[in-house]
C-alpha atoms as a PDB file:
ATOM      1  CA  MET A   1      27.426  29.772 -44.365  1.00  0.00           C
ATOM      2  CA  THR A   2      24.595  27.720 -44.893  1.00  0.00           C
ATOM      3  CA  VAL A   3      21.768  27.065 -41.781  1.00  0.00           C
ATOM      4  CA  LYS A   4      21.431  23.394 -41.246  1.00  0.00           C
ATOM      5  CA  ILE A   5      18.181  21.625 -41.211  1.00  0.00           C
ATOM      6  CA  VAL A   6      18.604  17.848 -38.807  1.00  0.00           C
ATOM      7  CA  THR A   7      15.658  15.601 -38.095  1.00  0.00           C
ATOM      8  CA  ASP A   8      14.595  12.206 -37.496  1.00  0.00           C
ATOM      9  CA  SER A   9      12.426   9.280 -39.139  1.00  0.00           C
ATOM     10  CA  THR A  10       9.164  10.145 -38.322  1.00  0.00           C
ATOM     11  CA  ALA A  11       8.701  12.727 -40.469  1.00  0.00           C
ATOM     12  CA  ASP A  12       8.140  10.143 -43.246  1.00  0.00           C
ATOM     13  CA  LEU A  13       9.883  12.674 -45.001  1.00  0.00           C
ATOM     14  CA  SER A  14      10.735  10.394 -48.884  1.00  0.00           C
ATOM     15  CA  PRO A  15      15.469  10.180 -49.027  1.00  0.00           C
ATOM     16  CA  GLU A  16      14.206  12.184 -52.644  1.00  0.00           C
ATOM     17  CA  LEU A  17      12.722  15.969 -50.906  1.00  0.00           C
ATOM     18  CA  ALA A  18      15.248  15.348 -47.442  1.00  0.00           C
ATOM     19  CA  GLU A  19      17.902  15.598 -50.252  1.00  0.00           C
ATOM     20  CA  GLU A  20      16.143  17.698 -52.588  1.00  0.00           C
ATOM     21  CA  LEU A  21      15.704  19.830 -49.222  1.00  0.00           C
ATOM     22  CA  GLY A  22      18.981  19.342 -47.601  1.00  0.00           C
ATOM     23  CA  ILE A  23      17.597  17.422 -44.445  1.00  0.00           C
ATOM     24  CA  THR A  24      20.021  15.262 -41.873  1.00  0.00           C
ATOM     25  CA  VAL A  25      17.729  12.254 -41.234  1.00  0.00           C
ATOM     26  CA  VAL A  26      18.382  10.203 -37.662  1.00  0.00           C
ATOM     27  CA  PRO A  27      17.229   7.903 -38.057  1.00  0.00           C
ATOM     28  CA  VAL A  28      14.318   5.878 -35.569  1.00  0.00           C
ATOM     29  CA  TYR A  29      14.876   1.647 -34.367  1.00  0.00           C
ATOM     30  CA  VAL A  30      12.575  -0.784 -35.542  1.00  0.00           C
ATOM     31  CA  ARG A  31      13.370  -3.853 -33.270  1.00  0.00           C
ATOM     32  CA  PHE A  32      11.211  -7.146 -33.876  1.00  0.00           C
ATOM     33  CA  GLY A  33      12.949  -9.576 -31.547  1.00  0.00           C
ATOM     34  CA  GLU A  34      16.188  -9.524 -30.868  1.00  0.00           C
ATOM     35  CA  GLU A  35      16.413  -8.788 -33.887  1.00  0.00           C
ATOM     36  CA  VAL A  36      16.966  -4.528 -34.788  1.00  0.00           C
ATOM     37  CA  TYR A  37      16.807  -2.355 -37.486  1.00  0.00           C
ATOM     38  CA  ARG A  38      17.470   2.238 -38.707  1.00  0.00           C
ATOM     39  CA  ASP A  39      14.533   2.923 -40.369  1.00  0.00           C
ATOM     40  CA  GLY A  40      14.514   3.187 -43.823  1.00  0.00           C
ATOM     41  CA  VAL A  41      18.597   2.768 -43.280  1.00  0.00           C
ATOM     42  CA  ASP A  42      18.562  -1.664 -42.533  1.00  0.00           C
ATOM     43  CA  ILE A  43      14.956  -1.704 -43.049  1.00  0.00           C
ATOM     44  CA  GLY A  44      12.317   0.600 -45.887  1.00  0.00           C
ATOM     45  CA  GLN A  45       8.992   0.572 -45.383  1.00  0.00           C
ATOM     46  CA  GLU A  46       7.244  -2.188 -47.167  1.00  0.00           C
ATOM     47  CA  GLU A  47      10.153  -4.675 -45.709  1.00  0.00           C
ATOM     48  CA  PHE A  48       8.878  -3.301 -42.504  1.00  0.00           C
ATOM     49  CA  TYR A  49       4.899  -3.145 -43.157  1.00  0.00           C
ATOM     50  CA  GLN A  50       5.867  -7.254 -44.835  1.00  0.00           C
ATOM     51  CA  ARG A  51       7.193  -7.993 -41.858  1.00  0.00           C
ATOM     52  CA  LEU A  52       4.131  -6.278 -39.322  1.00  0.00           C
ATOM     53  CA  ILE A  53       1.855  -8.766 -41.332  1.00  0.00           C
ATOM     54  CA  GLU A  54       3.638 -11.756 -41.187  1.00  0.00           C
ATOM     55  CA  SER A  55       6.223 -12.064 -38.140  1.00  0.00           C
ATOM     56  CA  PRO A  56       4.775 -14.020 -34.923  1.00  0.00           C
ATOM     57  CA  VAL A  57       7.150 -11.116 -33.197  1.00  0.00           C
ATOM     58  CA  HIS A  58       4.908  -8.099 -32.640  1.00  0.00           C
ATOM     59  CA  PRO A  59       7.650  -5.024 -33.640  1.00  0.00           C
ATOM     60  CA  ASN A  60       8.025  -1.869 -31.456  1.00  0.00           C
ATOM     61  CA  THR A  61      10.472   1.426 -31.865  1.00  0.00           C
ATOM     62  CA  SER A  62      12.952   3.288 -30.047  1.00  0.00           C
ATOM     63  CA  GLN A  63      14.396   6.945 -30.363  1.00  0.00           C
ATOM     64  CA  PRO A  64      17.707   7.983 -31.667  1.00  0.00           C
ATOM     65  CA  THR A  65      20.382   7.843 -28.840  1.00  0.00           C
ATOM     66  CA  PRO A  66      22.225  10.511 -27.910  1.00  0.00           C
ATOM     67  CA  VAL A  67      25.464   9.559 -29.110  1.00  0.00           C
ATOM     68  CA  ASP A  68      23.381   9.074 -32.197  1.00  0.00           C
ATOM     69  CA  PHE A  69      22.252  13.104 -32.611  1.00  0.00           C
ATOM     70  CA  ALA A  70      26.120  14.066 -31.569  1.00  0.00           C
ATOM     71  CA  ASP A  71      27.916  11.925 -34.628  1.00  0.00           C
ATOM     72  CA  VAL A  72      25.422  14.269 -37.138  1.00  0.00           C
ATOM     73  CA  TYR A  73      26.220  17.615 -34.998  1.00  0.00           C
ATOM     74  CA  GLN A  74      29.359  17.740 -35.177  1.00  0.00           C
ATOM     75  CA  LYS A  75      29.752  16.262 -39.036  1.00  0.00           C
ATOM     76  CA  LEU A  76      27.383  18.629 -40.167  1.00  0.00           C
ATOM     77  CA  SER A  77      29.326  20.794 -37.490  1.00  0.00           C
ATOM     78  CA  GLN A  78      32.536  20.905 -40.025  1.00  0.00           C
ATOM     79  CA  GLU A  79      29.862  22.651 -42.935  1.00  0.00           C
ATOM     80  CA  THR A  80      28.693  24.739 -40.978  1.00  0.00           C
ATOM     81  CA  ASP A  81      27.899  26.822 -37.134  1.00  0.00           C
ATOM     82  CA  GLU A  82      24.566  26.630 -36.954  1.00  0.00           C
ATOM     83  CA  ILE A  83      21.594  24.255 -37.170  1.00  0.00           C
ATOM     84  CA  VAL A  84      18.378  23.743 -36.591  1.00  0.00           C
ATOM     85  CA  SER A  85      16.729  19.969 -35.158  1.00  0.00           C
ATOM     86  CA  ILE A  86      13.464  19.259 -34.964  1.00  0.00           C
ATOM     87  CA  HIS A  87      11.541  16.705 -33.516  1.00  0.00           C
ATOM     88  CA  LEU A  88       8.715  15.208 -33.319  1.00  0.00           C
ATOM     89  CA  SER A  89       6.404  15.963 -29.936  1.00  0.00           C
ATOM     90  CA  ALA A  90       8.077  14.975 -26.762  1.00  0.00           C
ATOM     91  CA  ARG A  91       4.754  14.029 -25.387  1.00  0.00           C
ATOM     92  CA  THR A  92       5.237  11.256 -27.370  1.00  0.00           C
ATOM     93  CA  SER A  93       8.287  10.345 -27.696  1.00  0.00           C
ATOM     94  CA  GLY A  94      11.707  10.688 -25.838  1.00  0.00           C
ATOM     95  CA  THR A  95      13.377  11.476 -28.590  1.00  0.00           C
ATOM     96  CA  TYR A  96      13.669  15.058 -28.435  1.00  0.00           C
ATOM     97  CA  ASN A  97      15.285  14.940 -25.549  1.00  0.00           C
ATOM     98  CA  ALA A  98      17.654  12.479 -27.007  1.00  0.00           C
ATOM     99  CA  ALA A  99      18.805  15.367 -28.589  1.00  0.00           C
ATOM    100  CA  LEU A 100      19.538  17.297 -26.630  1.00  0.00           C
ATOM    101  CA  GLN A 101      21.675  15.556 -24.908  1.00  0.00           C
ATOM    102  CA  GLY A 102      23.260  14.701 -28.575  1.00  0.00           C
ATOM    103  CA  ARG A 103      23.798  18.257 -28.660  1.00  0.00           C
ATOM    104  CA  GLU A 104      25.697  18.422 -25.082  1.00  0.00           C
ATOM    105  CA  LEU A 105      27.589  15.823 -26.406  1.00  0.00           C
ATOM    106  CA  ALA A 106      28.673  16.539 -29.375  1.00  0.00           C
ATOM    107  CA  ALA A 107      30.900  19.330 -27.105  1.00  0.00           C
ATOM    108  CA  VAL A 108      31.366  21.795 -30.864  1.00  0.00           C
ATOM    109  CA  GLY A 109      31.152  24.793 -31.053  1.00  0.00           C
ATOM    110  CA  CYS A 110      28.070  24.815 -33.658  1.00  0.00           C
ATOM    111  CA  HIS A 111      24.489  26.869 -32.229  1.00  0.00           C
ATOM    112  CA  ILE A 112      22.640  23.869 -32.332  1.00  0.00           C
ATOM    113  CA  GLU A 113      18.543  24.864 -31.519  1.00  0.00           C
ATOM    114  CA  VAL A 114      16.401  21.788 -30.443  1.00  0.00           C
ATOM    115  CA  VAL A 115      13.073  21.912 -31.832  1.00  0.00           C
ATOM    116  CA  ASP A 116       9.897  20.146 -30.754  1.00  0.00           C
ATOM    117  CA  SER A 117       7.599  20.295 -33.305  1.00  0.00           C
ATOM    118  CA  PHE A 118       4.333  19.600 -30.548  1.00  0.00           C
ATOM    119  CA  SER A 119       3.618  16.845 -33.911  1.00  0.00           C
ATOM    120  CA  VAL A 120       4.350  13.856 -36.042  1.00  0.00           C
ATOM    121  CA  SER A 121       4.500  11.825 -39.149  1.00  0.00           C
ATOM    122  CA  MET A 122       4.142  15.128 -42.302  1.00  0.00           C
ATOM    123  CA  GLY A 123       2.681  17.692 -39.752  1.00  0.00           C
ATOM    124  CA  LEU A 124       6.815  17.088 -38.427  1.00  0.00           C
ATOM    125  CA  GLY A 125       7.437  17.247 -41.536  1.00  0.00           C
ATOM    126  CA  LEU A 126       6.007  19.641 -42.528  1.00  0.00           C
ATOM    127  CA  VAL A 127       7.531  21.544 -40.058  1.00  0.00           C
ATOM    128  CA  THR A 128      10.780  21.630 -40.796  1.00  0.00           C
ATOM    129  CA  MET A 129      10.034  21.115 -45.213  1.00  0.00           C
ATOM    130  CA  ALA A 130       8.986  24.838 -43.256  1.00  0.00           C
ATOM    131  CA  ALA A 131      12.272  25.740 -42.400  1.00  0.00           C
ATOM    132  CA  ALA A 132      14.715  23.967 -44.814  1.00  0.00           C
ATOM    133  CA  ARG A 133      13.061  25.895 -47.874  1.00  0.00           C
ATOM    134  CA  LEU A 134      14.547  29.442 -45.672  1.00  0.00           C
ATOM    135  CA  ALA A 135      17.376  28.195 -45.152  1.00  0.00           C
ATOM    136  CA  LYS A 136      18.834  26.276 -48.868  1.00  0.00           C
ATOM    137  CA  ALA A 137      17.603  30.037 -49.628  1.00  0.00           C
ATOM    138  CA  GLY A 138      20.792  30.916 -48.048  1.00  0.00           C
ATOM    139  CA  GLU A 139      17.794  33.076 -44.693  1.00  0.00           C
ATOM    140  CA  SER A 140      20.076  34.184 -40.935  1.00  0.00           C
ATOM    141  CA  LEU A 141      19.135  31.570 -38.236  1.00  0.00           C
ATOM    142  CA  GLN A 142      16.426  33.920 -35.935  1.00  0.00           C
ATOM    143  CA  VAL A 143      14.357  33.899 -40.026  1.00  0.00           C
ATOM    144  CA  VAL A 144      14.396  29.838 -39.764  1.00  0.00           C
ATOM    145  CA  MET A 145      14.038  29.363 -35.902  1.00  0.00           C
ATOM    146  CA  GLU A 146      10.896  32.423 -35.998  1.00  0.00           C
ATOM    147  CA  GLU A 147       8.684  30.345 -39.440  1.00  0.00           C
ATOM    148  CA  VAL A 148       9.323  27.447 -37.161  1.00  0.00           C
ATOM    149  CA  LYS A 149       7.463  29.037 -33.666  1.00  0.00           C
ATOM    150  CA  GLN A 150       5.025  30.908 -36.595  1.00  0.00           C
ATOM    151  CA  ALA A 151       3.884  27.073 -38.348  1.00  0.00           C
ATOM    152  CA  ILE A 152       4.022  24.702 -35.156  1.00  0.00           C
ATOM    153  CA  PRO A 153       1.350  25.634 -34.152  1.00  0.00           C
ATOM    154  CA  ARG A 154      -0.054  26.459 -37.252  1.00  0.00           C
ATOM    155  CA  VAL A 155      -0.311  22.749 -38.044  1.00  0.00           C
ATOM    156  CA  HIS A 156      -3.057  20.610 -37.919  1.00  0.00           C
ATOM    157  CA  ILE A 157      -3.217  15.845 -38.133  1.00  0.00           C
ATOM    158  CA  LEU A 158      -5.682  13.986 -38.709  1.00  0.00           C
ATOM    159  CA  GLY A 159      -5.465  10.198 -39.175  1.00  0.00           C
ATOM    160  CA  VAL A 160      -7.817   7.277 -40.012  1.00  0.00           C
ATOM    161  CA  PHE A 161      -7.228   3.585 -38.597  1.00  0.00           C
ATOM    162  CA  ASP A 162      -8.487   0.791 -41.113  1.00  0.00           C
ATOM    163  CA  THR A 163      -8.157  -2.496 -37.766  1.00  0.00           C
ATOM    164  CA  LEU A 164      -7.160  -2.211 -34.306  1.00  0.00           C
ATOM    165  CA  LYS A 165      -6.098  -4.936 -34.259  1.00  0.00           C
ATOM    166  CA  TYR A 166      -2.334  -3.377 -34.216  1.00  0.00           C
ATOM    167  CA  LEU A 167      -3.000  -1.006 -30.985  1.00  0.00           C
ATOM    168  CA  LEU A 168      -4.027  -4.609 -29.671  1.00  0.00           C
ATOM    169  CA  LEU A 169      -1.289  -6.073 -29.993  1.00  0.00           C
ATOM    170  CA  GLY A 170       0.660  -3.001 -28.584  1.00  0.00           C
ATOM    171  CA  GLY A 171      -0.484  -2.874 -26.038  1.00  0.00           C
ATOM    172  CA  ARG A 172      -2.403  -0.013 -26.271  1.00  0.00           C
ATOM    173  CA  ILE A 173      -6.117  -0.545 -25.811  1.00  0.00           C
ATOM    174  CA  SER A 174      -7.779  -4.394 -24.945  1.00  0.00           C
ATOM    175  CA  LYS A 175      -8.606  -7.532 -25.939  1.00  0.00           C
ATOM    176  CA  ALA A 176     -12.101  -6.834 -25.205  1.00  0.00           C
ATOM    177  CA  LYS A 177     -11.807  -3.625 -27.112  1.00  0.00           C
ATOM    178  CA  ALA A 178     -10.407  -4.760 -30.246  1.00  0.00           C
ATOM    179  CA  ILE A 179     -13.477  -7.433 -30.062  1.00  0.00           C
ATOM    180  CA  MET A 180     -15.604  -4.808 -30.083  1.00  0.00           C
ATOM    181  CA  GLY A 181     -14.754  -1.890 -32.013  1.00  0.00           C
ATOM    182  CA  GLY A 182     -13.436  -4.616 -34.987  1.00  0.00           C
ATOM    183  CA  VAL A 183     -17.808  -6.227 -34.654  1.00  0.00           C
ATOM    184  CA  LEU A 184     -19.219  -2.723 -35.032  1.00  0.00           C
ATOM    185  CA  ASN A 185     -15.616  -2.576 -37.464  1.00  0.00           C
ATOM    186  CA  VAL A 186     -15.626   0.995 -36.555  1.00  0.00           C
ATOM    187  CA  LYS A 187     -12.325   3.258 -38.091  1.00  0.00           C
ATOM    188  CA  PRO A 188     -11.240   5.477 -34.565  1.00  0.00           C
ATOM    189  CA  LEU A 189      -9.300   8.398 -35.708  1.00  0.00           C
ATOM    190  CA  VAL A 190      -6.043   9.774 -33.653  1.00  0.00           C
ATOM    191  CA  THR A 191      -5.000  13.261 -34.274  1.00  0.00           C
ATOM    192  CA  MET A 192      -3.009  15.810 -32.061  1.00  0.00           C
ATOM    193  CA  ARG A 193      -3.873  17.522 -29.792  1.00  0.00           C
ATOM    194  CA  ASP A 194      -0.616  19.654 -26.964  1.00  0.00           C
ATOM    195  CA  GLY A 195       1.848  17.696 -28.691  1.00  0.00           C
ATOM    196  CA  ASN A 196      -0.445  14.722 -27.333  1.00  0.00           C
ATOM    197  CA  LEU A 197      -1.201  11.731 -29.957  1.00  0.00           C
ATOM    198  CA  ILE A 198      -4.924  11.125 -28.911  1.00  0.00           C
ATOM    199  CA  GLN A 199      -8.710   9.737 -30.545  1.00  0.00           C
ATOM    200  CA  ALA A 200     -10.373  12.335 -32.149  1.00  0.00           C
ATOM    201  CA  GLY A 201     -13.219  10.052 -33.319  1.00  0.00           C
ATOM    202  CA  LEU A 202     -14.492   7.062 -35.098  1.00  0.00           C
ATOM    203  CA  ALA A 203     -15.823   6.969 -38.115  1.00  0.00           C
ATOM    204  CA  ARG A 204     -19.054   3.929 -39.011  1.00  0.00           C
ATOM    205  CA  THR A 205     -16.946   2.703 -41.993  1.00  0.00           C
ATOM    206  CA  ARG A 206     -13.228   3.417 -43.708  1.00  0.00           C
ATOM    207  CA  GLY A 207     -15.515   5.730 -46.954  1.00  0.00           C
ATOM    208  CA  LYS A 208     -16.293   7.771 -44.132  1.00  0.00           C
ATOM    209  CA  GLY A 209     -13.316   8.142 -42.475  1.00  0.00           C
ATOM    210  CA  THR A 210     -12.146   9.395 -45.293  1.00  0.00           C
ATOM    211  CA  GLU A 211     -14.727  11.277 -45.085  1.00  0.00           C
ATOM    212  CA  ARG A 212     -14.147  13.455 -42.589  1.00  0.00           C
ATOM    213  CA  LEU A 213     -10.118  13.629 -43.618  1.00  0.00           C
ATOM    214  CA  PHE A 214     -11.568  15.722 -46.406  1.00  0.00           C
ATOM    215  CA  ASP A 215     -14.284  17.438 -44.982  1.00  0.00           C
ATOM    216  CA  LEU A 216     -10.933  19.029 -42.140  1.00  0.00           C
ATOM    217  CA  ALA A 217      -8.969  20.054 -45.770  1.00  0.00           C
ATOM    218  CA  LYS A 218     -12.693  21.253 -46.974  1.00  0.00           C
ATOM    219  CA  ASN A 219     -13.378  24.001 -43.372  1.00  0.00           C
ATOM    220  CA  ALA A 220      -9.925  24.879 -42.983  1.00  0.00           C
ATOM    221  CA  LEU A 221      -9.644  27.732 -45.987  1.00  0.00           C
ATOM    222  CA  ASN A 222      -6.660  29.196 -45.363  1.00  0.00           C
ATOM    223  CA  ILE A 223      -3.677  26.255 -45.834  1.00  0.00           C
ATOM    224  CA  GLN A 224      -0.249  27.050 -47.274  1.00  0.00           C
ATOM    225  CA  GLU A 225       1.040  23.484 -47.779  1.00  0.00           C
ATOM    226  CA  LEU A 226      -0.782  20.114 -47.569  1.00  0.00           C
ATOM    227  CA  ALA A 227       0.367  16.232 -47.259  1.00  0.00           C
ATOM    228  CA  ILE A 228      -0.938  13.056 -47.802  1.00  0.00           C
ATOM    229  CA  VAL A 229       0.720   9.875 -46.108  1.00  0.00           C
ATOM    230  CA  HIS A 230      -1.197   5.419 -45.998  1.00  0.00           C
ATOM    231  CA  SER A 231       0.766   2.987 -44.518  1.00  0.00           C
ATOM    232  CA  THR A 232      -0.123   0.935 -47.787  1.00  0.00           C
ATOM    233  CA  THR A 233      -2.533   2.367 -50.018  1.00  0.00           C
ATOM    234  CA  PRO A 234      -0.534   4.220 -52.474  1.00  0.00           C
ATOM    235  CA  ASP A 235      -3.212   3.947 -54.969  1.00  0.00           C
ATOM    236  CA  GLU A 236      -5.797   5.510 -52.293  1.00  0.00           C
ATOM    237  CA  ALA A 237      -3.385   8.414 -51.894  1.00  0.00           C
ATOM    238  CA  ALA A 238      -3.153   9.111 -54.894  1.00  0.00           C
ATOM    239  CA  SER A 239      -7.437   8.910 -55.541  1.00  0.00           C
ATOM    240  CA  PHE A 240      -7.457  10.985 -52.010  1.00  0.00           C
ATOM    241  CA  LYS A 241      -5.207  13.812 -53.903  1.00  0.00           C
ATOM    242  CA  GLU A 242      -7.263  14.015 -56.535  1.00  0.00           C
ATOM    243  CA  ARG A 243      -9.729  14.741 -54.465  1.00  0.00           C
ATOM    244  CA  ILE A 244      -8.107  17.230 -52.577  1.00  0.00           C
ATOM    245  CA  ALA A 245      -6.932  19.295 -55.722  1.00  0.00           C
ATOM    246  CA  SER A 246     -10.549  19.792 -56.774  1.00  0.00           C
ATOM    247  CA  ILE A 247     -10.527  22.789 -53.676  1.00  0.00           C
ATOM    248  CA  PHE A 248      -6.752  22.835 -53.284  1.00  0.00           C
ATOM    249  CA  ASP A 249      -3.436  23.656 -55.300  1.00  0.00           C
ATOM    250  CA  ARG A 250      -2.331  20.228 -56.662  1.00  0.00           C
ATOM    251  CA  GLU A 251       1.371  21.673 -56.820  1.00  0.00           C
ATOM    252  CA  ARG A 252       1.047  22.054 -53.091  1.00  0.00           C
ATOM    253  CA  ILE A 253       0.190  18.787 -51.729  1.00  0.00           C
ATOM    254  CA  HIS A 254       2.703  15.670 -51.007  1.00  0.00           C
ATOM    255  CA  ILE A 255       1.775  12.465 -50.399  1.00  0.00           C
ATOM    256  CA  ALA A 256       4.625  10.780 -47.772  1.00  0.00           C
ATOM    257  CA  ARG A 257       4.683   6.506 -47.111  1.00  0.00           C
ATOM    258  CA  LEU A 258       3.720   6.046 -42.660  1.00  0.00           C
ATOM    259  CA  GLY A 259       6.567   4.718 -41.080  1.00  0.00           C
ATOM    260  CA  PRO A 260       7.006   2.590 -37.978  1.00  0.00           C
ATOM    261  CA  GLY A 261       7.032   4.713 -35.355  1.00  0.00           C
ATOM    262  CA  LEU A 262       3.244   6.020 -35.948  1.00  0.00           C
ATOM    263  CA  GLY A 263       3.203   2.418 -38.741  1.00  0.00           C
ATOM    264  CA  VAL A 264       3.712   0.163 -35.711  1.00  0.00           C
ATOM    265  CA  HIS A 265      -0.559   1.372 -33.983  1.00  0.00           C
ATOM    266  CA  GLY A 266      -2.226   2.364 -37.155  1.00  0.00           C
ATOM    267  CA  GLY A 267      -0.812  -0.263 -39.199  1.00  0.00           C
ATOM    268  CA  PRO A 268      -1.635  -1.414 -42.550  1.00  0.00           C
ATOM    269  CA  GLY A 269      -4.050   1.045 -44.653  1.00  0.00           C
ATOM    270  CA  THR A 270      -3.560   3.982 -41.853  1.00  0.00           C
ATOM    271  CA  LEU A 271      -4.133   7.181 -44.350  1.00  0.00           C
ATOM    272  CA  ILE A 272      -3.394  10.872 -43.387  1.00  0.00           C
ATOM    273  CA  LEU A 273      -3.965  14.250 -43.558  1.00  0.00           C
ATOM    274  CA  ALA A 274      -1.739  17.109 -42.195  1.00  0.00           C
ATOM    275  CA  PHE A 275      -1.213  21.169 -43.366  1.00  0.00           C
ATOM    276  CA  ARG A 276       0.183  23.693 -42.738  1.00  0.00           C
ATOM    277  CA  GLU A 277      -1.837  27.135 -42.084  1.00  0.00           C
ATOM    278  CA  LYS A 278      -0.595  30.023 -43.668  1.00  0.00           C
ATOM    279  CA  VAL A 279       1.069  32.167 -40.974  1.00  0.00           C
ATOM    280  CA  SER A 280      -1.800  35.203 -42.017  1.00  0.00           C
ATOM    281  CA  GLY A 281      -4.927  33.435 -41.607  1.00  0.00           C
ATOM    282  CA  GLY A 282      -7.597  33.020 -39.662  1.00  0.00           C
ATOM    283  CA  GLY A 283      -8.051  29.567 -39.406  1.00  0.00           C
ATOM    284  CA  GLN A 284     -11.212  28.407 -37.584  1.00  0.00           C
ATOM    285  CA  GLY A 285     -11.070  28.394 -33.790  1.00  0.00           C
ATOM    286  CA  ALA A 286     -12.384  25.897 -31.325  1.00  0.00           C
ATOM    287  CA  ASP A 287      -9.778  22.911 -30.841  1.00  0.00           C
ATOM    288  CA  GLU A 288      -6.594  24.075 -29.184  1.00  0.00           C
ATOM    289  CA  GLY A 289      -3.589  23.325 -31.296  1.00  0.00           C
ATOM    290  CA  GLY A 290       0.309  23.258 -29.758  1.00  0.00           C
ATOM    291  CA  PRO A 291       2.744  25.281 -27.909  1.00  0.00           C
ATOM    292  CA  SER A 292       0.820  29.007 -28.365  1.00  0.00           C
ATOM    293  CA  GLY A 293      -2.867  27.807 -27.785  1.00  0.00           C
ATOM    294  CA  ARG A 294      -4.007  29.237 -31.101  1.00  0.00           C
ATOM    295  CA  LYS A 295      -7.658  27.665 -31.538  1.00  0.00           C
ATOM    296  CA  PHE A 296      -8.991  25.599 -34.806  1.00  0.00           C
ATOM    297  CA  SER A 297     -11.702  23.247 -35.086  1.00  0.00           C
ATOM    298  CA  LEU A 298     -12.247  19.924 -35.582  1.00  0.00           C
ATOM    299  CA  PRO A 299     -15.012  18.687 -38.257  1.00  0.00           C
ATOM    300  CA  SER A 300     -17.329  16.336 -35.626  1.00  0.00           C
ATOM    301  CA  LEU A 301     -16.307  13.328 -35.125  1.00  0.00           C
ATOM    302  CA  ARG A 302     -18.325  11.111 -32.995  1.00  0.00           C
ATOM    303  CA  VAL A 303     -19.827   8.110 -33.992  1.00  0.00           C
ATOM    304  CA  PRO A 304     -23.666   8.661 -31.477  1.00  0.00           C
ATOM    305  CA  HIS A 305     -25.110   5.675 -30.100  1.00  0.00           C
ATOM    306  CA  LEU A 306     -22.260   3.188 -29.789  1.00  0.00           C
ATOM    307  CA  ASN A 307     -20.493   2.075 -26.629  1.00  0.00           C
ATOM    308  CA  VAL A 308     -17.133   2.031 -28.949  1.00  0.00           C
ATOM    309  CA  PRO A 309     -13.207   1.739 -27.048  1.00  0.00           C
ATOM    310  CA  ASN A 310     -11.205   4.239 -26.330  1.00  0.00           C
ATOM    311  CA  ILE A 311      -7.990   4.702 -27.275  1.00  0.00           C
ATOM    312  CA  PRO A 312      -5.120   6.426 -24.220  1.00  0.00           C
ATOM    313  CA  LYS A 313      -3.024   9.088 -25.431  1.00  0.00           C
ATOM    314  CA  LEU A 314       0.020   7.260 -27.506  1.00  0.00           C
ATOM    315  CA  ARG A 315       3.442   7.080 -27.386  1.00  0.00           C
ATOM    316  CA  PHE A 316       4.945   5.290 -30.107  1.00  0.00           C
ATOM    317  CA  SER A 317       6.809   2.806 -28.332  1.00  0.00           C
ATOM    318  CA  SER A 318      10.104   3.403 -26.594  1.00  0.00           C
ATOM    319  CA  LEU A 319      10.682   6.084 -28.890  1.00  0.00           C
END
């Protein structure tokens, strides 16, 4: 039987891509006050961002329940006896633990591997896609899991937020820091380190922020696959893809829409670059990335001589 692949909606995989690769996506929940929606099922990205901008109530997100996962595992166990379930970092969310609990609740004879990706958005998405391609090709559980283990520490992500407003509304930074950042018009840069979503630096302008993303791709000479993720700027993402295509095979560049998981913090204008390095590659080395401790160096991201706001490690609301 074919190995089945499961992930959650924070992977930001389009429905078309998930269907093509045979990936089952478990939705996270989005809450606007008393109204609760399943990401990608009851509410799409367009409506989410419109409500994020216009609603007087700032939303939050919550993880799928163990029962949600159990239901998915039970359904898939009718088609396979092996499942690989890959999720966003356990250090930013309870989703991974909910999947573990769901495996116990499912009580099926099917062998289920639950994996912490140490990433989010298309960082998670790229790992899931790599696993799904092998599963679709009929490879064994052992081969799929080996690919996942090798891919996780080779995935890197860097994003630029256009505003500090939504970090303030979500209580992630103080009003004083948000005002200071607004006056300086700095754009926070975020990355994943050891499974934590942290501030990687600041850019003086949005243009300089996107330049940092391009520099990251340019300096990583061993890329296997790459994704550009935007919240509300498809034209910018398409333009950025054309620029990246000047240094990297455009057939291996994906454009994705940022969902509520990270979008609730970044808001409109968020732009993210995620890529997976080749297994045989020799990457750069400075920052630790992922569970294996493999090294990778980001370009210099700090803005000198500015007293700027520091963003704490982010957890995705109650995800």
